[in-house]
Amino acid sequence: MAKQESTQQLLQDKDFQEISRQKNQISIVLTLCEMVLFFGFIALIAFNKPFLATKISGAITIGIPIAVGVIILSWVLTGIYVNWANKKYDVMVARLRERIGG
């Protein structure tokens, strides 16, 4: 029973709620960015193939650098989250653990 009470106390803790809010906020923003990026590219493939087939140089079409850009931007978005988690989230969780004795 004591574990359930401590869980309820943790869930009602202002610092825990702030950590959860911030994590949810950055996760939602980055997920939406990734979805727009990915599904935008898929929509471009589905609805504007002639644009993607436009030759840039030799056999290279404009679709190739756009696809590479989608991959690189996905890595960048992942890097943004990892950087945030390492610099802010982990610090906030460590502080909360010290305070509650976890």
PDB file of N, CA and C in Angstrom:
ATOM      1  N   MET A   1       0.815  -1.192   0.000  1.00  0.00           N
ATOM      2  CA  MET A   1       0.000   0.000   0.000  1.00  0.00           C
ATOM      3  C   MET A   1       0.864   1.263   0.000  1.00  0.00           C
ATOM      4  N   ALA A   2       2.014   1.204   0.643  1.00  0.00           N
ATOM      5  CA  ALA A   2       2.888   2.376   0.714  1.00  0.00           C
ATOM      6  C   ALA A   2       3.416   2.752  -0.663  1.00  0.00           C
ATOM      7  N   LYS A   3       3.669   1.754  -1.504  1.00  0.00           N
ATOM      8  CA  LYS A   3       4.169   2.028  -2.849  1.00  0.00           C
ATOM      9  C   LYS A   3       3.122   2.775  -3.667  1.00  0.00           C
ATOM     10  N   GLN A   4       1.862   2.387  -3.531  1.00  0.00           N
ATOM     11  CA  GLN A   4       0.786   3.062  -4.260  1.00  0.00           C
ATOM     12  C   GLN A   4       0.645   4.510  -3.786  1.00  0.00           C
ATOM     13  N   GLU A   5       0.790   4.739  -2.486  1.00  0.00           N
ATOM     14  CA  GLU A   5       0.718   6.096  -1.953  1.00  0.00           C
ATOM     15  C   GLU A   5       1.877   6.936  -2.470  1.00  0.00           C
ATOM     16  N   SER A   6       3.087   6.375  -2.499  1.00  0.00           N
ATOM     17  CA  SER A   6       4.241   7.134  -2.987  1.00  0.00           C
ATOM     18  C   SER A   6       4.108   7.420  -4.485  1.00  0.00           C
ATOM     19  N   THR A   7       3.487   6.499  -5.213  1.00  0.00           N
ATOM     20  CA  THR A   7       3.242   6.735  -6.637  1.00  0.00           C
ATOM     21  C   THR A   7       2.270   7.887  -6.822  1.00  0.00           C
ATOM     22  N   GLN A   8       1.219   7.908  -6.016  1.00  0.00           N
ATOM     23  CA  GLN A   8       0.241   8.993  -6.095  1.00  0.00           C
ATOM     24  C   GLN A   8       0.883  10.330  -5.736  1.00  0.00           C
ATOM     25  N   GLN A   9       1.748  10.328  -4.734  1.00  0.00           N
ATOM     26  CA  GLN A   9       2.446  11.559  -4.351  1.00  0.00           C
ATOM     27  C   GLN A   9       3.337  12.038  -5.485  1.00  0.00           C
ATOM     28  N   LEU A  10       4.031  11.119  -6.109  1.00  0.00           N
ATOM     29  CA  LEU A  10       4.905  11.486  -7.226  1.00  0.00           C
ATOM     30  C   LEU A  10       4.102  12.068  -8.375  1.00  0.00           C
ATOM     31  N   LEU A  11       2.985  11.424  -8.710  1.00  0.00           N
ATOM     32  CA  LEU A  11       2.160  11.909  -9.818  1.00  0.00           C
ATOM     33  C   LEU A  11       1.573  13.293  -9.550  1.00  0.00           C
ATOM     34  N   GLN A  12       1.395  13.638  -8.298  1.00  0.00           N
ATOM     35  CA  GLN A  12       0.845  14.944  -7.946  1.00  0.00           C
ATOM     36  C   GLN A  12       1.920  15.993  -7.695  1.00  0.00           C
ATOM     37  N   ASP A  13       3.177  15.588  -7.698  1.00  0.00           N
ATOM     38  CA  ASP A  13       4.290  16.503  -7.461  1.00  0.00           C
ATOM     39  C   ASP A  13       4.417  17.511  -8.600  1.00  0.00           C
ATOM     40  N   LYS A  14       4.591  18.783  -8.261  1.00  0.00           N
ATOM     41  CA  LYS A  14       4.683  19.856  -9.266  1.00  0.00           C
ATOM     42  C   LYS A  14       5.898  19.680 -10.183  1.00  0.00           C
ATOM     43  N   ASP A  15       7.038  19.278  -9.624  1.00  0.00           N
ATOM     44  CA  ASP A  15       8.239  19.082 -10.448  1.00  0.00           C
ATOM     45  C   ASP A  15       8.043  17.937 -11.433  1.00  0.00           C
ATOM     46  N   PHE A  16       7.427  16.849 -10.964  1.00  0.00           N
ATOM     47  CA  PHE A  16       7.158  15.717 -11.857  1.00  0.00           C
ATOM     48  C   PHE A  16       6.214  16.129 -12.974  1.00  0.00           C
ATOM     49  N   GLN A  17       5.191  16.875 -12.645  1.00  0.00           N
ATOM     50  CA  GLN A  17       4.241  17.341 -13.655  1.00  0.00           C
ATOM     51  C   GLN A  17       4.923  18.260 -14.670  1.00  0.00           C
ATOM     52  N   GLU A  18       5.847  19.095 -14.203  1.00  0.00           N
ATOM     53  CA  GLU A  18       6.581  19.983 -15.115  1.00  0.00           C
ATOM     54  C   GLU A  18       7.486  19.181 -16.044  1.00  0.00           C
ATOM     55  N   ILE A  19       8.155  18.174 -15.503  1.00  0.00           N
ATOM     56  CA  ILE A  19       9.001  17.306 -16.335  1.00  0.00           C
ATOM     57  C   ILE A  19       8.147  16.624 -17.400  1.00  0.00           C
ATOM     58  N   SER A  20       7.026  16.085 -16.999  1.00  0.00           N
ATOM     59  CA  SER A  20       6.130  15.411 -17.952  1.00  0.00           C
ATOM     60  C   SER A  20       5.618  16.378 -19.009  1.00  0.00           C
ATOM     61  N   ARG A  21       5.252  17.575 -18.591  1.00  0.00           N
ATOM     62  CA  ARG A  21       4.738  18.574 -19.533  1.00  0.00           C
ATOM     63  C   ARG A  21       5.792  18.937 -20.575  1.00  0.00           C
ATOM     64  N   GLN A  22       7.012  19.198 -20.108  1.00  0.00           N
ATOM     65  CA  GLN A  22       8.078  19.565 -21.042  1.00  0.00           C
ATOM     66  C   GLN A  22       8.413  18.432 -21.997  1.00  0.00           C
ATOM     67  N   LYS A  23       8.475  17.204 -21.475  1.00  0.00           N
ATOM     68  CA  LYS A  23       8.789  16.058 -22.335  1.00  0.00           C
ATOM     69  C   LYS A  23       7.697  15.853 -23.381  1.00  0.00           C
ATOM     70  N   ASN A  24       6.460  15.952 -22.955  1.00  0.00           N
ATOM     71  CA  ASN A  24       5.353  15.812 -23.896  1.00  0.00           C
ATOM     72  C   ASN A  24       5.360  16.917 -24.935  1.00  0.00           C
ATOM     73  N   GLN A  25       5.656  18.129 -24.509  1.00  0.00           N
ATOM     74  CA  GLN A  25       5.656  19.264 -25.432  1.00  0.00           C
ATOM     75  C   GLN A  25       6.715  19.096 -26.523  1.00  0.00           C
ATOM     76  N   ILE A  26       7.943  18.799 -26.148  1.00  0.00           N
ATOM     77  CA  ILE A  26       8.991  18.659 -27.166  1.00  0.00           C
ATOM     78  C   ILE A  26       8.753  17.418 -28.018  1.00  0.00           C
ATOM     79  N   SER A  27       8.243  16.353 -27.406  1.00  0.00           N
ATOM     80  CA  SER A  27       7.965  15.132 -28.173  1.00  0.00           C
ATOM     81  C   SER A  27       6.891  15.379 -29.228  1.00  0.00           C
ATOM     82  N   ILE A  28       5.846  16.089 -28.859  1.00  0.00           N
ATOM     83  CA  ILE A  28       4.757  16.367 -29.801  1.00  0.00           C
ATOM     84  C   ILE A  28       5.239  17.273 -30.924  1.00  0.00           C
ATOM     85  N   VAL A  29       5.974  18.323 -30.588  1.00  0.00           N
ATOM     86  CA  VAL A  29       6.464  19.247 -31.620  1.00  0.00           C
ATOM     87  C   VAL A  29       7.378  18.530 -32.605  1.00  0.00           C
ATOM     88  N   LEU A  30       8.334  17.758 -32.089  1.00  0.00           N
ATOM     89  CA  LEU A  30       9.270  17.065 -32.978  1.00  0.00           C
ATOM     90  C   LEU A  30       8.573  15.964 -33.778  1.00  0.00           C
ATOM     91  N   THR A  31       7.597  15.298 -33.180  1.00  0.00           N
ATOM     92  CA  THR A  31       6.844  14.274 -33.910  1.00  0.00           C
ATOM     93  C   THR A  31       6.052  14.904 -35.047  1.00  0.00           C
ATOM     94  N   LEU A  32       5.412  16.030 -34.782  1.00  0.00           N
ATOM     95  CA  LEU A  32       4.665  16.720 -35.838  1.00  0.00           C
ATOM     96  C   LEU A  32       5.597  17.181 -36.962  1.00  0.00           C
ATOM     97  N   CYS A  33       6.762  17.697 -36.601  1.00  0.00           N
ATOM     98  CA  CYS A  33       7.737  18.102 -37.624  1.00  0.00           C
ATOM     99  C   CYS A  33       8.138  16.905 -38.485  1.00  0.00           C
ATOM    100  N   GLU A  34       8.410  15.781 -37.847  1.00  0.00           N
ATOM    101  CA  GLU A  34       8.807  14.579 -38.586  1.00  0.00           C
ATOM    102  C   GLU A  34       7.682  14.092 -39.480  1.00  0.00           C
ATOM    103  N   MET A  35       6.468  14.135 -38.980  1.00  0.00           N
ATOM    104  CA  MET A  35       5.332  13.671 -39.782  1.00  0.00           C
ATOM    105  C   MET A  35       5.109  14.567 -40.998  1.00  0.00           C
ATOM    106  N   VAL A  36       5.212  15.884 -40.811  1.00  0.00           N
ATOM    107  CA  VAL A  36       5.060  16.804 -41.938  1.00  0.00           C
ATOM    108  C   VAL A  36       6.162  16.556 -42.963  1.00  0.00           C
ATOM    109  N   LEU A  37       7.380  16.380 -42.480  1.00  0.00           N
ATOM    110  CA  LEU A  37       8.510  16.119 -43.360  1.00  0.00           C
ATOM    111  C   LEU A  37       8.308  14.823 -44.143  1.00  0.00           C
ATOM    112  N   PHE A  38       8.020  13.746 -43.450  1.00  0.00           N
ATOM    113  CA  PHE A  38       7.900  12.435 -44.085  1.00  0.00           C
ATOM    114  C   PHE A  38       6.675  12.363 -44.992  1.00  0.00           C
ATOM    115  N   PHE A  39       5.505  12.719 -44.463  1.00  0.00           N
ATOM    116  CA  PHE A  39       4.294  12.606 -45.268  1.00  0.00           C
ATOM    117  C   PHE A  39       4.253  13.651 -46.382  1.00  0.00           C
ATOM    118  N   GLY A  40       4.932  14.775 -46.176  1.00  0.00           N
ATOM    119  CA  GLY A  40       5.065  15.753 -47.253  1.00  0.00           C
ATOM    120  C   GLY A  40       5.847  15.170 -48.419  1.00  0.00           C
ATOM    121  N   PHE A  41       6.918  14.464 -48.090  1.00  0.00           N
ATOM    122  CA  PHE A  41       7.708  13.826 -49.130  1.00  0.00           C
ATOM    123  C   PHE A  41       6.908  12.738 -49.842  1.00  0.00           C
ATOM    124  N   ILE A  42       6.180  11.937 -49.070  1.00  0.00           N
ATOM    125  CA  ILE A  42       5.348  10.892 -49.659  1.00  0.00           C
ATOM    126  C   ILE A  42       4.266  11.508 -50.553  1.00  0.00           C
ATOM    127  N   ALA A  43       3.674  12.607 -50.101  1.00  0.00           N
ATOM    128  CA  ALA A  43       2.650  13.293 -50.910  1.00  0.00           C
ATOM    129  C   ALA A  43       3.259  13.828 -52.194  1.00  0.00           C
ATOM    130  N   LEU A  44       4.485  14.329 -52.110  1.00  0.00           N
ATOM    131  CA  LEU A  44       5.172  14.806 -53.305  1.00  0.00           C
ATOM    132  C   LEU A  44       5.390  13.664 -54.288  1.00  0.00           C
ATOM    133  N   ILE A  45       5.747  12.509 -53.782  1.00  0.00           N
ATOM    134  CA  ILE A  45       5.916  11.334 -54.641  1.00  0.00           C
ATOM    135  C   ILE A  45       4.576  10.966 -55.285  1.00  0.00           C
ATOM    136  N   ALA A  46       3.525  11.001 -54.496  1.00  0.00           N
ATOM    137  CA  ALA A  46       2.214  10.564 -54.985  1.00  0.00           C
ATOM    138  C   ALA A  46       1.595  11.544 -55.975  1.00  0.00           C
ATOM    139  N   PHE A  47       1.783  12.838 -55.744  1.00  0.00           N
ATOM    140  CA  PHE A  47       1.030  13.822 -56.518  1.00  0.00           C
ATOM    141  C   PHE A  47       1.855  14.664 -57.489  1.00  0.00           C
ATOM    142  N   ASN A  48       3.186  14.601 -57.412  1.00  0.00           N
ATOM    143  CA  ASN A  48       3.980  15.427 -58.318  1.00  0.00           C
ATOM    144  C   ASN A  48       5.245  14.698 -58.771  1.00  0.00           C
ATOM    145  N   LYS A  49       5.069  13.542 -59.342  1.00  0.00           N
ATOM    146  CA  LYS A  49       6.203  12.756 -59.841  1.00  0.00           C
ATOM    147  C   LYS A  49       7.004  13.505 -60.908  1.00  0.00           C
ATOM    148  N   PRO A  50       6.346  14.249 -61.810  1.00  0.00           N
ATOM    149  CA  PRO A  50       7.142  14.961 -62.817  1.00  0.00           C
ATOM    150  C   PRO A  50       8.140  15.954 -62.201  1.00  0.00           C
ATOM    151  N   PHE A  51       7.745  16.598 -61.105  1.00  0.00           N
ATOM    152  CA  PHE A  51       8.677  17.512 -60.434  1.00  0.00           C
ATOM    153  C   PHE A  51       9.881  16.751 -59.897  1.00  0.00           C
ATOM    154  N   LEU A  52       9.621  15.627 -59.231  1.00  0.00           N
ATOM    155  CA  LEU A  52      10.721  14.842 -58.679  1.00  0.00           C
ATOM    156  C   LEU A  52      11.601  14.236 -59.762  1.00  0.00           C
ATOM    157  N   ALA A  53      11.042  14.034 -60.959  1.00  0.00           N
ATOM    158  CA  ALA A  53      11.800  13.457 -62.068  1.00  0.00           C
ATOM    159  C   ALA A  53      12.608  14.500 -62.837  1.00  0.00           C
ATOM    160  N   THR A  54      12.486  15.771 -62.455  1.00  0.00           N
ATOM    161  CA  THR A  54      13.243  16.828 -63.122  1.00  0.00           C
ATOM    162  C   THR A  54      14.737  16.580 -62.930  1.00  0.00           C
ATOM    163  N   LYS A  55      15.454  16.530 -64.044  1.00  0.00           N
ATOM    164  CA  LYS A  55      16.899  16.262 -63.989  1.00  0.00           C
ATOM    165  C   LYS A  55      17.653  17.499 -63.506  1.00  0.00           C
ATOM    166  N   ILE A  56      18.599  17.252 -62.633  1.00  0.00           N
ATOM    167  CA  ILE A  56      19.486  18.320 -62.158  1.00  0.00           C
ATOM    168  C   ILE A  56      20.783  18.266 -62.947  1.00  0.00           C
ATOM    169  N   SER A  57      21.354  17.079 -62.968  1.00  0.00           N
ATOM    170  CA  SER A  57      22.629  16.891 -63.644  1.00  0.00           C
ATOM    171  C   SER A  57      22.763  15.423 -64.023  1.00  0.00           C
ATOM    172  N   GLY A  58      22.918  15.145 -65.282  1.00  0.00           N
ATOM    173  CA  GLY A  58      23.065  13.756 -65.724  1.00  0.00           C
ATOM    174  C   GLY A  58      21.858  12.926 -65.337  1.00  0.00           C
ATOM    175  N   ALA A  59      22.114  11.871 -64.577  1.00  0.00           N
ATOM    176  CA  ALA A  59      21.035  10.973 -64.161  1.00  0.00           C
ATOM    177  C   ALA A  59      20.434  11.367 -62.813  1.00  0.00           C
ATOM    178  N   ILE A  60      20.929  12.435 -62.226  1.00  0.00           N
ATOM    179  CA  ILE A  60      20.446  12.850 -60.906  1.00  0.00           C
ATOM    180  C   ILE A  60      19.214  13.735 -61.061  1.00  0.00           C
ATOM    181  N   THR A  61      18.136  13.301 -60.401  1.00  0.00           N
ATOM    182  CA  THR A  61      16.902  14.070 -60.433  1.00  0.00           C
ATOM    183  C   THR A  61      16.756  14.850 -59.132  1.00  0.00           C
ATOM    184  N   ILE A  62      15.831  15.788 -59.107  1.00  0.00           N
ATOM    185  CA  ILE A  62      15.623  16.606 -57.916  1.00  0.00           C
ATOM    186  C   ILE A  62      15.095  15.776 -56.741  1.00  0.00           C
ATOM    187  N   GLY A  63      14.499  14.633 -57.018  1.00  0.00           N
ATOM    188  CA  GLY A  63      13.988  13.767 -55.957  1.00  0.00           C
ATOM    189  C   GLY A  63      15.076  13.190 -55.069  1.00  0.00           C
ATOM    190  N   ILE A  64      16.257  12.972 -55.626  1.00  0.00           N
ATOM    191  CA  ILE A  64      17.351  12.379 -54.850  1.00  0.00           C
ATOM    192  C   ILE A  64      17.814  13.310 -53.729  1.00  0.00           C
ATOM    193  N   PRO A  65      18.157  14.577 -54.014  1.00  0.00           N
ATOM    194  CA  PRO A  65      18.562  15.441 -52.903  1.00  0.00           C
ATOM    195  C   PRO A  65      17.430  15.712 -51.910  1.00  0.00           C
ATOM    196  N   ILE A  66      16.192  15.719 -52.400  1.00  0.00           N
ATOM    197  CA  ILE A  66      15.077  15.909 -51.473  1.00  0.00           C
ATOM    198  C   ILE A  66      14.979  14.707 -50.532  1.00  0.00           C
ATOM    199  N   ALA A  67      15.107  13.494 -51.060  1.00  0.00           N
ATOM    200  CA  ALA A  67      15.058  12.283 -50.222  1.00  0.00           C
ATOM    201  C   ALA A  67      16.205  12.270 -49.212  1.00  0.00           C
ATOM    202  N   VAL A  68      17.398  12.641 -49.665  1.00  0.00           N
ATOM    203  CA  VAL A  68      18.546  12.713 -48.755  1.00  0.00           C
ATOM    204  C   VAL A  68      18.281  13.773 -47.681  1.00  0.00           C
ATOM    205  N   GLY A  69      17.681  14.888 -48.079  1.00  0.00           N
ATOM    206  CA  GLY A  69      17.340  15.940 -47.121  1.00  0.00           C
ATOM    207  C   GLY A  69      16.356  15.462 -46.065  1.00  0.00           C
ATOM    208  N   VAL A  70      15.384  14.661 -46.469  1.00  0.00           N
ATOM    209  CA  VAL A  70      14.420  14.104 -45.514  1.00  0.00           C
ATOM    210  C   VAL A  70      15.148  13.238 -44.488  1.00  0.00           C
ATOM    211  N   ILE A  71      16.068  12.425 -44.945  1.00  0.00           N
ATOM    212  CA  ILE A  71      16.824  11.560 -44.030  1.00  0.00           C
ATOM    213  C   ILE A  71      17.680  12.402 -43.087  1.00  0.00           C
ATOM    214  N   ILE A  72      18.390  13.370 -43.635  1.00  0.00           N
ATOM    215  CA  ILE A  72      19.259  14.210 -42.802  1.00  0.00           C
ATOM    216  C   ILE A  72      18.447  15.014 -41.797  1.00  0.00           C
ATOM    217  N   LEU A  73      17.321  15.581 -42.235  1.00  0.00           N
ATOM    218  CA  LEU A  73      16.485  16.341 -41.298  1.00  0.00           C
ATOM    219  C   LEU A  73      15.896  15.440 -40.211  1.00  0.00           C
ATOM    220  N   SER A  74      15.633  14.192 -40.531  1.00  0.00           N
ATOM    221  CA  SER A  74      15.168  13.248 -39.501  1.00  0.00           C
ATOM    222  C   SER A  74      16.256  13.035 -38.452  1.00  0.00           C
ATOM    223  N   TRP A  75      17.492  12.906 -38.902  1.00  0.00           N
ATOM    224  CA  TRP A  75      18.615  12.787 -37.961  1.00  0.00           C
ATOM    225  C   TRP A  75      18.744  14.051 -37.116  1.00  0.00           C
ATOM    226  N   VAL A  76      18.580  15.199 -37.742  1.00  0.00           N
ATOM    227  CA  VAL A  76      18.681  16.471 -37.016  1.00  0.00           C
ATOM    228  C   VAL A  76      17.599  16.550 -35.936  1.00  0.00           C
ATOM    229  N   LEU A  77      16.370  16.182 -36.278  1.00  0.00           N
ATOM    230  CA  LEU A  77      15.294  16.206 -35.288  1.00  0.00           C
ATOM    231  C   LEU A  77      15.584  15.239 -34.138  1.00  0.00           C
ATOM    232  N   THR A  78      16.132  14.082 -34.455  1.00  0.00           N
ATOM    233  CA  THR A  78      16.522  13.140 -33.411  1.00  0.00           C
ATOM    234  C   THR A  78      17.621  13.733 -32.539  1.00  0.00           C
ATOM    235  N   GLY A  79      18.591  14.381 -33.170  1.00  0.00           N
ATOM    236  CA  GLY A  79      19.679  15.035 -32.431  1.00  0.00           C
ATOM    237  C   GLY A  79      19.174  16.134 -31.517  1.00  0.00           C
ATOM    238  N   ILE A  80      18.179  16.874 -31.968  1.00  0.00           N
ATOM    239  CA  ILE A  80      17.591  17.924 -31.132  1.00  0.00           C
ATOM    240  C   ILE A  80      16.991  17.305 -29.873  1.00  0.00           C
ATOM    241  N   TYR A  81      16.255  16.206 -30.038  1.00  0.00           N
ATOM    242  CA  TYR A  81      15.653  15.557 -28.875  1.00  0.00           C
ATOM    243  C   TYR A  81      16.727  14.998 -27.940  1.00  0.00           C
ATOM    244  N   VAL A  82      17.720  14.333 -28.483  1.00  0.00           N
ATOM    245  CA  VAL A  82      18.780  13.747 -27.652  1.00  0.00           C
ATOM    246  C   VAL A  82      19.513  14.846 -26.891  1.00  0.00           C
ATOM    247  N   ASN A  83      19.818  15.955 -27.571  1.00  0.00           N
ATOM    248  CA  ASN A  83      20.488  17.077 -26.930  1.00  0.00           C
ATOM    249  C   ASN A  83      19.633  17.632 -25.795  1.00  0.00           C
ATOM    250  N   TRP A  84      18.338  17.827 -26.054  1.00  0.00           N
ATOM    251  CA  TRP A  84      17.437  18.324 -25.018  1.00  0.00           C
ATOM    252  C   TRP A  84      17.373  17.350 -23.845  1.00  0.00           C
ATOM    253  N   ALA A  85      17.238  16.066 -24.145  1.00  0.00           N
ATOM    254  CA  ALA A  85      17.143  15.060 -23.085  1.00  0.00           C
ATOM    255  C   ALA A  85      18.406  15.029 -22.228  1.00  0.00           C
ATOM    256  N   ASN A  86      19.561  15.118 -22.854  1.00  0.00           N
ATOM    257  CA  ASN A  86      20.816  15.072 -22.109  1.00  0.00           C
ATOM    258  C   ASN A  86      21.032  16.316 -21.261  1.00  0.00           C
ATOM    259  N   LYS A  87      20.684  17.479 -21.789  1.00  0.00           N
ATOM    260  CA  LYS A  87      20.979  18.728 -21.084  1.00  0.00           C
ATOM    261  C   LYS A  87      19.887  19.157 -20.112  1.00  0.00           C
ATOM    262  N   LYS A  88      18.639  18.831 -20.371  1.00  0.00           N
ATOM    263  CA  LYS A  88      17.563  19.319 -19.518  1.00  0.00           C
ATOM    264  C   LYS A  88      16.803  18.198 -18.825  1.00  0.00           C
ATOM    265  N   TYR A  89      16.280  17.272 -19.594  1.00  0.00           N
ATOM    266  CA  TYR A  89      15.418  16.225 -19.035  1.00  0.00           C
ATOM    267  C   TYR A  89      16.161  15.399 -17.988  1.00  0.00           C
ATOM    268  N   ASP A  90      17.338  14.905 -18.326  1.00  0.00           N
ATOM    269  CA  ASP A  90      18.097  14.077 -17.391  1.00  0.00           C
ATOM    270  C   ASP A  90      18.437  14.837 -16.114  1.00  0.00           C
ATOM    271  N   VAL A  91      18.744  16.131 -16.237  1.00  0.00           N
ATOM    272  CA  VAL A  91      19.061  16.958 -15.070  1.00  0.00           C
ATOM    273  C   VAL A  91      17.826  17.113 -14.183  1.00  0.00           C
ATOM    274  N   MET A  92      16.667  17.375 -14.800  1.00  0.00           N
ATOM    275  CA  MET A  92      15.437  17.528 -14.027  1.00  0.00           C
ATOM    276  C   MET A  92      15.068  16.219 -13.323  1.00  0.00           C
ATOM    277  N   VAL A  93      15.220  15.101 -14.013  1.00  0.00           N
ATOM    278  CA  VAL A  93      14.904  13.800 -13.412  1.00  0.00           C
ATOM    279  C   VAL A  93      15.862  13.503 -12.260  1.00  0.00           C
ATOM    280  N   ALA A  94      17.143  13.810 -12.422  1.00  0.00           N
ATOM    281  CA  ALA A  94      18.120  13.571 -11.358  1.00  0.00           C
ATOM    282  C   ALA A  94      17.782  14.407 -10.122  1.00  0.00           C
ATOM    283  N   ARG A  95      17.413  15.666 -10.342  1.00  0.00           N
ATOM    284  CA  ARG A  95      17.024  16.528  -9.216  1.00  0.00           C
ATOM    285  C   ARG A  95      15.795  15.973  -8.488  1.00  0.00           C
ATOM    286  N   LEU A  96      14.838  15.530  -9.249  1.00  0.00           N
ATOM    287  CA  LEU A  96      13.618  14.966  -8.657  1.00  0.00           C
ATOM    288  C   LEU A  96      13.936  13.692  -7.887  1.00  0.00           C
ATOM    289  N   ARG A  97      14.794  12.856  -8.424  1.00  0.00           N
ATOM    290  CA  ARG A  97      15.174  11.624  -7.736  1.00  0.00           C
ATOM    291  C   ARG A  97      15.882  11.919  -6.413  1.00  0.00           C
ATOM    292  N   GLU A  98      16.769  12.931  -6.425  1.00  0.00           N
ATOM    293  CA  GLU A  98      17.462  13.304  -5.190  1.00  0.00           C
ATOM    294  C   GLU A  98      16.468  13.779  -4.148  1.00  0.00           C
ATOM    295  N   ARG A  99      15.501  14.555  -4.589  1.00  0.00           N
ATOM    296  CA  ARG A  99      14.531  15.136  -3.659  1.00  0.00           C
ATOM    297  C   ARG A  99      13.613  14.071  -3.070  1.00  0.00           C
ATOM    298  N   ILE A 100      13.167  13.117  -3.892  1.00  0.00           N
ATOM    299  CA  ILE A 100      12.224  12.113  -3.379  1.00  0.00           C
ATOM    300  C   ILE A 100      12.931  10.869  -2.855  1.00  0.00           C
ATOM    301  N   GLY A 101      14.243  10.789  -3.091  1.00  0.00           N
ATOM    302  CA  GLY A 101      14.992   9.647  -2.576  1.00  0.00           C
ATOM    303  C   GLY A 101      14.873   8.406  -3.415  1.00  0.00           C
ATOM    304  N   GLY A 102      14.855   8.564  -4.761  1.00  0.00           N
ATOM    305  CA  GLY A 102      14.699   7.415  -5.653  1.00  0.00           C
ATOM    306  C   GLY A 102      15.935   6.960  -6.202  1.00  0.00           C
TER     307      GLY A 102
END
